[in-house]
């Protein structure tokens, strides 16, 4: 069994920092995601936790909604 990096194993998808969110989304997606892209989304109304972290499920739902609107 492959051993996971301890930092990766400790990520909380309900409270990711902007750099961690960018790294996770870049790894699982077909295009790179940058911190600047995330900040632009947050400025455009993407949800964030009170402490500034990002809930990956809430952010993804927001992206789906925005894509469906044609933005």
Protein backbone atom coordinates (compact mmCIF):
# COMPACT_ATOMS: atom_id res chain seq x y z
CA UNK A 1 0.00 0.00 0.00
CA UNK A 2 1.32 3.43 -0.93
CA UNK A 3 2.06 5.66 2.07
CA UNK A 4 0.44 9.11 1.91
CA UNK A 5 2.19 12.37 2.59
CA UNK A 6 1.21 13.42 6.13
CA UNK A 7 0.28 16.96 4.96
CA UNK A 8 -2.01 15.58 2.26
CA UNK A 9 -3.56 13.10 4.66
CA UNK A 10 -4.42 15.88 7.10
CA UNK A 11 -6.29 18.11 4.65
CA UNK A 12 -9.85 18.92 5.67
CA UNK A 13 -12.06 19.35 2.58
CA UNK A 14 -14.45 21.47 4.65
CA UNK A 15 -11.72 23.99 5.52
CA UNK A 16 -8.94 24.27 2.94
CA UNK A 17 -6.61 27.22 2.60
CA UNK A 18 -6.50 28.92 -0.78
CA UNK A 19 -3.12 27.34 -1.68
CA UNK A 20 -4.35 23.88 -0.64
CA UNK A 21 -7.57 24.32 -2.61
CA UNK A 22 -5.61 25.33 -5.71
CA UNK A 23 -3.29 22.34 -5.31
CA UNK A 24 -6.14 19.84 -4.80
CA UNK A 25 -8.20 21.14 -7.72
CA UNK A 26 -5.14 21.20 -9.99
CA UNK A 27 -4.38 17.59 -9.15
CA UNK A 28 -7.88 16.27 -9.78
CA UNK A 29 -8.83 18.46 -12.74
CA UNK A 30 -7.71 18.68 -16.32
CA UNK A 31 -6.54 22.30 -16.01
CA UNK A 32 -4.35 24.05 -13.44
CA UNK A 33 -6.11 26.14 -10.80
CA UNK A 34 -4.21 29.06 -9.31
CA UNK A 35 -4.64 31.00 -6.09
CA UNK A 36 -5.41 34.07 -8.22
CA UNK A 37 -8.26 32.21 -9.91
CA UNK A 38 -9.68 31.23 -6.53
CA UNK A 39 -9.38 34.79 -5.20
CA UNK A 40 -11.24 36.05 -8.29
CA UNK A 41 -14.02 33.54 -7.64
CA UNK A 42 -14.20 34.57 -3.99
CA UNK A 43 -14.43 38.21 -5.07
CA UNK A 44 -17.23 37.19 -7.45
CA UNK A 45 -19.24 35.63 -4.62
CA UNK A 46 -17.89 32.12 -4.16
CA UNK A 47 -18.56 30.91 -0.62
CA UNK A 48 -15.85 30.95 2.03
CA UNK A 49 -15.81 29.99 5.67
CA UNK A 50 -15.66 32.75 8.31
CA UNK A 51 -11.94 32.09 8.76
CA UNK A 52 -11.26 32.51 5.02
CA UNK A 53 -10.87 28.82 4.28
CA UNK A 54 -12.78 27.12 1.49
CA UNK A 55 -15.24 24.27 1.85
CA UNK A 56 -14.54 22.21 -1.25
CA UNK A 57 -18.12 20.90 -1.52
CA UNK A 58 -19.67 24.37 -1.20
CA UNK A 59 -17.17 25.85 -3.65
CA UNK A 60 -17.81 23.08 -6.18
CA UNK A 61 -21.57 23.58 -5.88
CA UNK A 62 -21.08 27.31 -6.49
CA UNK A 63 -18.98 26.55 -9.59
CA UNK A 64 -21.67 24.25 -10.96
CA UNK A 65 -24.34 26.89 -10.37
CA UNK A 66 -22.23 29.59 -12.04
CA UNK A 67 -21.48 27.35 -15.01
CA UNK A 68 -25.17 26.55 -15.44
CA UNK A 69 -25.94 30.29 -15.45
CA UNK A 70 -23.47 30.78 -18.28
CA UNK A 71 -21.04 33.01 -16.36
